[in-house]
Amino acid sequence: MTDKIAEQARFSRACALTAARAANEKKATDIMVQEVRELIGVTDYFVIATAANNRQVQAIIDEIEDQLRTEQGVKPTHREVSS
């Protein structure tokens, strides 16, 4: 693994863990960070969480975006919400 690829892998992991911690801070449950780098070409990780209602889902999403912006300097490009 080249240095640039290794650096990108570390950054992707850091972003996924930041998102998981943010979800936890908003009381999400069943939080799972799934590495999919070898399976899917568009992302390295999925962060999956459960919320009690749509209002909590929105609060979790907002917190994840805020923490990714402040801690990692990125804004997610896609949201996948299922109710």
C-alpha atoms as a PDB file:
ATOM      1  CA  MET A   1       0.000   0.000   0.000  1.00  0.00           C
ATOM      2  CA  THR A   2       1.469   3.335  -1.024  1.00  0.00           C
ATOM      3  CA  ASP A   3       1.743   6.178   1.454  1.00  0.00           C
ATOM      4  CA  LYS A   4      -1.020   8.155  -0.268  1.00  0.00           C
ATOM      5  CA  ILE A   5      -3.428   5.184  -0.227  1.00  0.00           C
ATOM      6  CA  ALA A   6      -2.588   4.428   3.410  1.00  0.00           C
ATOM      7  CA  GLU A   7      -3.169   8.081   4.327  1.00  0.00           C
ATOM      8  CA  GLN A   8      -6.556   8.059   2.548  1.00  0.00           C
ATOM      9  CA  ALA A   9      -7.506   4.827   4.344  1.00  0.00           C
ATOM     10  CA  ARG A  10      -6.665   6.382   7.725  1.00  0.00           C
ATOM     11  CA  PHE A  11      -8.652   9.514   6.867  1.00  0.00           C
ATOM     12  CA  SER A  12     -11.682   7.472   5.763  1.00  0.00           C
ATOM     13  CA  ARG A  13     -11.567   5.470   8.983  1.00  0.00           C
ATOM     14  CA  ALA A  14     -11.254   8.638  11.077  1.00  0.00           C
ATOM     15  CA  CYS A  15     -14.311  10.115   9.323  1.00  0.00           C
ATOM     16  CA  ALA A  16     -16.359   6.952   9.907  1.00  0.00           C
ATOM     17  CA  LEU A  17     -15.432   6.880  13.589  1.00  0.00           C
ATOM     18  CA  THR A  18     -16.215  10.595  13.953  1.00  0.00           C
ATOM     19  CA  ALA A  19     -19.651   9.944  12.463  1.00  0.00           C
ATOM     20  CA  ALA A  20     -20.244   6.999  14.812  1.00  0.00           C
ATOM     21  CA  ARG A  21     -19.261   9.055  17.870  1.00  0.00           C
ATOM     22  CA  ALA A  22     -21.531  11.907  16.756  1.00  0.00           C
ATOM     23  CA  ALA A  23     -24.440   9.484  16.363  1.00  0.00           C
ATOM     24  CA  ASN A  24     -23.747   8.112  19.825  1.00  0.00           C
ATOM     25  CA  GLU A  25     -23.797  11.628  21.301  1.00  0.00           C
ATOM     26  CA  LYS A  26     -27.341  12.041  19.964  1.00  0.00           C
ATOM     27  CA  LYS A  27     -28.400   8.727  21.548  1.00  0.00           C
ATOM     28  CA  ALA A  28     -28.474   6.610  18.374  1.00  0.00           C
ATOM     29  CA  THR A  29     -28.583   2.880  19.039  1.00  0.00           C
ATOM     30  CA  ASP A  30     -27.266  -0.173  17.193  1.00  0.00           C
ATOM     31  CA  ILE A  31     -24.392   1.880  15.755  1.00  0.00           C
ATOM     32  CA  MET A  32     -22.299  -0.072  13.272  1.00  0.00           C
ATOM     33  CA  VAL A  33     -19.265   0.994  11.257  1.00  0.00           C
ATOM     34  CA  GLN A  34     -18.902  -1.367   8.312  1.00  0.00           C
ATOM     35  CA  GLU A  35     -15.781  -1.345   6.119  1.00  0.00           C
ATOM     36  CA  VAL A  36     -16.870  -1.872   2.510  1.00  0.00           C
ATOM     37  CA  ARG A  37     -13.736  -0.697   0.687  1.00  0.00           C
ATOM     38  CA  GLU A  38     -13.155  -4.075  -0.963  1.00  0.00           C
ATOM     39  CA  LEU A  39     -16.827  -4.485  -1.953  1.00  0.00           C
ATOM     40  CA  ILE A  40     -17.970  -1.075  -3.189  1.00  0.00           C
ATOM     41  CA  GLY A  41     -16.086   1.438  -5.281  1.00  0.00           C
ATOM     42  CA  VAL A  42     -17.823   4.596  -4.097  1.00  0.00           C
ATOM     43  CA  THR A  43     -17.077   4.565  -0.368  1.00  0.00           C
ATOM     44  CA  ASP A  44     -14.825   2.968   2.225  1.00  0.00           C
ATOM     45  CA  TYR A  45     -17.272   2.758   5.154  1.00  0.00           C
ATOM     46  CA  PHE A  46     -20.957   2.679   5.940  1.00  0.00           C
ATOM     47  CA  VAL A  47     -22.083   4.049   9.298  1.00  0.00           C
ATOM     48  CA  ILE A  48     -25.445   2.570  10.230  1.00  0.00           C
ATOM     49  CA  ALA A  49     -27.490   3.582  13.273  1.00  0.00           C
ATOM     50  CA  THR A  50     -31.004   3.319  14.648  1.00  0.00           C
ATOM     51  CA  ALA A  51     -33.123   6.168  16.027  1.00  0.00           C
ATOM     52  CA  ALA A  52     -36.460   6.202  17.826  1.00  0.00           C
ATOM     53  CA  ASN A  53     -38.209   8.659  15.505  1.00  0.00           C
ATOM     54  CA  ASN A  54     -37.741  10.983  12.534  1.00  0.00           C
ATOM     55  CA  ARG A  55     -36.903  13.945  14.744  1.00  0.00           C
ATOM     56  CA  GLN A  56     -34.038  12.010  16.338  1.00  0.00           C
ATOM     57  CA  VAL A  57     -32.865  10.875  12.894  1.00  0.00           C
ATOM     58  CA  GLN A  58     -32.594  14.512  11.797  1.00  0.00           C
ATOM     59  CA  ALA A  59     -30.732  15.462  14.990  1.00  0.00           C
ATOM     60  CA  ILE A  60     -28.261  12.603  14.446  1.00  0.00           C
ATOM     61  CA  ILE A  61     -27.672  13.581  10.813  1.00  0.00           C
ATOM     62  CA  ASP A  62     -27.124  17.217  11.743  1.00  0.00           C
ATOM     63  CA  GLU A  63     -24.656  16.266  14.499  1.00  0.00           C
ATOM     64  CA  ILE A  64     -22.711  13.957  12.189  1.00  0.00           C
ATOM     65  CA  GLU A  65     -22.423  16.672   9.551  1.00  0.00           C
ATOM     66  CA  ASP A  66     -21.385  19.278  12.143  1.00  0.00           C
ATOM     67  CA  GLN A  67     -18.688  17.052  13.664  1.00  0.00           C
ATOM     68  CA  LEU A  68     -17.350  15.922  10.288  1.00  0.00           C
ATOM     69  CA  ARG A  69     -17.117  19.551   9.223  1.00  0.00           C
ATOM     70  CA  THR A  70     -15.339  20.718  12.384  1.00  0.00           C
ATOM     71  CA  GLU A  71     -13.155  17.680  13.163  1.00  0.00           C
ATOM     72  CA  GLN A  72     -12.306  16.399   9.691  1.00  0.00           C
ATOM     73  CA  GLY A  73     -12.943  19.407   7.448  1.00  0.00           C
ATOM     74  CA  VAL A  74     -15.418  17.585   5.187  1.00  0.00           C
ATOM     75  CA  LYS A  75     -19.101  17.663   4.364  1.00  0.00           C
ATOM     76  CA  PRO A  76     -20.798  14.361   3.493  1.00  0.00           C
ATOM     77  CA  THR A  77     -21.931  14.106  -0.127  1.00  0.00           C
ATOM     78  CA  HIS A  78     -24.925  11.844   0.469  1.00  0.00           C
ATOM     79  CA  ARG A  79     -27.510  11.002   3.129  1.00  0.00           C
ATOM     80  CA  GLU A  80     -29.373   7.702   3.181  1.00  0.00           C
ATOM     81  CA  VAL A  81     -32.380   7.828   5.493  1.00  0.00           C
ATOM     82  CA  SER A  82     -34.852   5.023   5.989  1.00  0.00           C
ATOM     83  CA  SER A  83     -37.846   5.300   8.306  1.00  0.00           C
END
